[in-house]
Amino acid sequence: MKRKVPYKDNKYVLEFLNYKCHEDILNIIGNINNIDKEISEAMSIVKLIKRFKNKTNTLIDFCSGNALLPIITAFLFKFDLNVAIDKSDQHLHK
């Protein structure tokens, strides 16, 4: 199955696609539904994290779902601890 490609009509998606690591991140998360929505949600939080990145060294994402936020932040920031928590076990193998 071909991987879904995000549309470029959203400022958060455009910001994500400008990261050199975006292809690596998309390969890690695989084929997820509503990719634009998921990227937009994660990138809106990334924008907030950028404001506080020097004040924290930990990210814990509760109800993480596809774990997109922790995966993006693992590429962008040097957190001592980066955790995704969700009741779903869809990404336990990764």
Protein backbone atom coordinates (compact mmCIF):
# COMPACT_ATOMS: atom_id res chain seq x y z
CA MET A 1 0.00 0.00 0.00
CA LYS A 2 1.31 3.40 -0.96
CA ARG A 3 1.93 5.83 1.91
CA LYS A 4 -0.51 8.72 2.21
CA VAL A 5 1.02 12.09 1.36
CA PRO A 6 0.06 15.23 3.28
CA TYR A 7 -1.59 18.09 1.42
CA LYS A 8 0.32 21.36 1.34
CA ASP A 9 -2.64 23.66 2.01
CA ASN A 10 -2.02 24.07 5.73
CA LYS A 11 0.63 26.20 7.48
CA TYR A 12 1.50 23.44 9.95
CA VAL A 13 1.79 20.83 7.20
CA LEU A 14 4.00 23.20 5.19
CA GLU A 15 6.23 23.79 8.21
CA PHE A 16 6.49 20.03 8.76
CA LEU A 17 7.33 19.39 5.11
CA ASN A 18 10.13 21.96 5.32
CA TYR A 19 11.95 19.90 7.94
CA LYS A 20 14.79 17.86 6.42
CA CYS A 21 13.65 14.92 8.56
CA HIS A 22 10.01 14.88 7.40
CA GLU A 23 10.51 11.87 5.09
CA ASP A 24 12.12 9.90 7.92
CA ILE A 25 9.22 10.75 10.22
CA LEU A 26 6.64 9.76 7.61
CA ASN A 27 8.44 6.46 7.09
CA ILE A 28 8.38 5.77 10.84
CA ILE A 29 4.69 6.51 11.35
CA GLY A 30 3.63 4.62 8.25
CA ASN A 31 0.21 4.98 6.68
CA ILE A 32 -2.11 6.76 9.11
CA ASN A 33 -5.58 8.12 8.54
CA ASN A 34 -6.13 11.88 8.40
CA ILE A 35 -2.42 12.60 8.00
CA ASP A 36 -3.03 16.35 7.58
CA LYS A 37 -5.04 16.53 10.80
CA GLU A 38 -2.44 14.52 12.70
CA ILE A 39 0.44 16.67 11.43
CA SER A 40 -1.47 19.88 12.19
CA GLU A 41 -2.21 18.79 15.76
CA ALA A 42 1.37 17.68 16.41
CA MET A 43 2.94 20.75 14.82
CA SER A 44 0.74 23.13 16.82
CA ILE A 45 2.20 21.54 19.97
CA VAL A 46 5.73 21.63 18.53
CA LYS A 47 5.28 25.37 18.08
CA LEU A 48 4.47 25.69 21.81
CA ILE A 49 7.37 23.43 22.78
CA LYS A 50 9.77 25.69 20.87
CA ARG A 51 8.80 28.52 23.23
CA PHE A 52 9.66 26.42 26.30
CA LYS A 53 12.39 24.11 25.02
CA ASN A 54 15.05 25.58 27.29
CA LYS A 55 12.84 25.14 30.34
CA THR A 56 12.17 21.42 30.07
CA ASN A 57 14.00 18.24 29.14
CA THR A 58 11.01 15.88 29.18
CA LEU A 59 8.05 15.23 26.89
CA ILE A 60 5.26 12.88 27.92
CA ASP A 61 2.45 12.60 25.38
CA PHE A 62 -0.67 11.03 26.90
CA CYS A 63 -3.26 9.58 24.50
CA SER A 64 -0.52 9.68 21.91
CA GLY A 65 -2.31 7.62 19.27
CA ASN A 66 0.15 7.33 16.38
CA ALA A 67 2.95 8.90 18.48
CA LEU A 68 3.57 11.59 15.87
CA LEU A 69 4.33 14.33 18.40
CA PRO A 70 7.02 12.36 20.28
CA ILE A 71 8.52 11.19 17.00
CA ILE A 72 8.74 14.73 15.63
CA THR A 73 10.21 16.04 18.87
CA ALA A 74 12.76 13.21 18.96
CA PHE A 75 14.12 14.56 15.67
CA LEU A 76 13.92 18.25 16.61
CA PHE A 77 14.82 18.50 20.30
CA LYS A 78 17.25 16.86 22.69
CA PHE A 79 14.89 15.75 25.43
CA ASP A 80 16.28 13.49 28.13
CA LEU A 81 12.95 11.66 28.15
CA ASN A 82 10.48 11.48 25.26
CA VAL A 83 7.49 9.20 25.98
CA ALA A 84 4.33 8.26 24.08
CA ILE A 85 1.51 6.71 26.11
CA ASP A 86 -1.65 5.30 24.56
CA LYS A 87 -4.05 2.44 25.21
CA SER A 88 -3.50 1.22 21.65
CA ASP A 89 -0.60 -1.11 20.97
CA GLN A 90 -0.41 -0.31 17.24
CA HIS A 91 3.17 1.01 17.44
CA LEU A 92 4.68 -1.28 20.06
CA HIS A 93 6.71 -3.04 17.39
CA LYS A 94 8.45 0.14 16.22
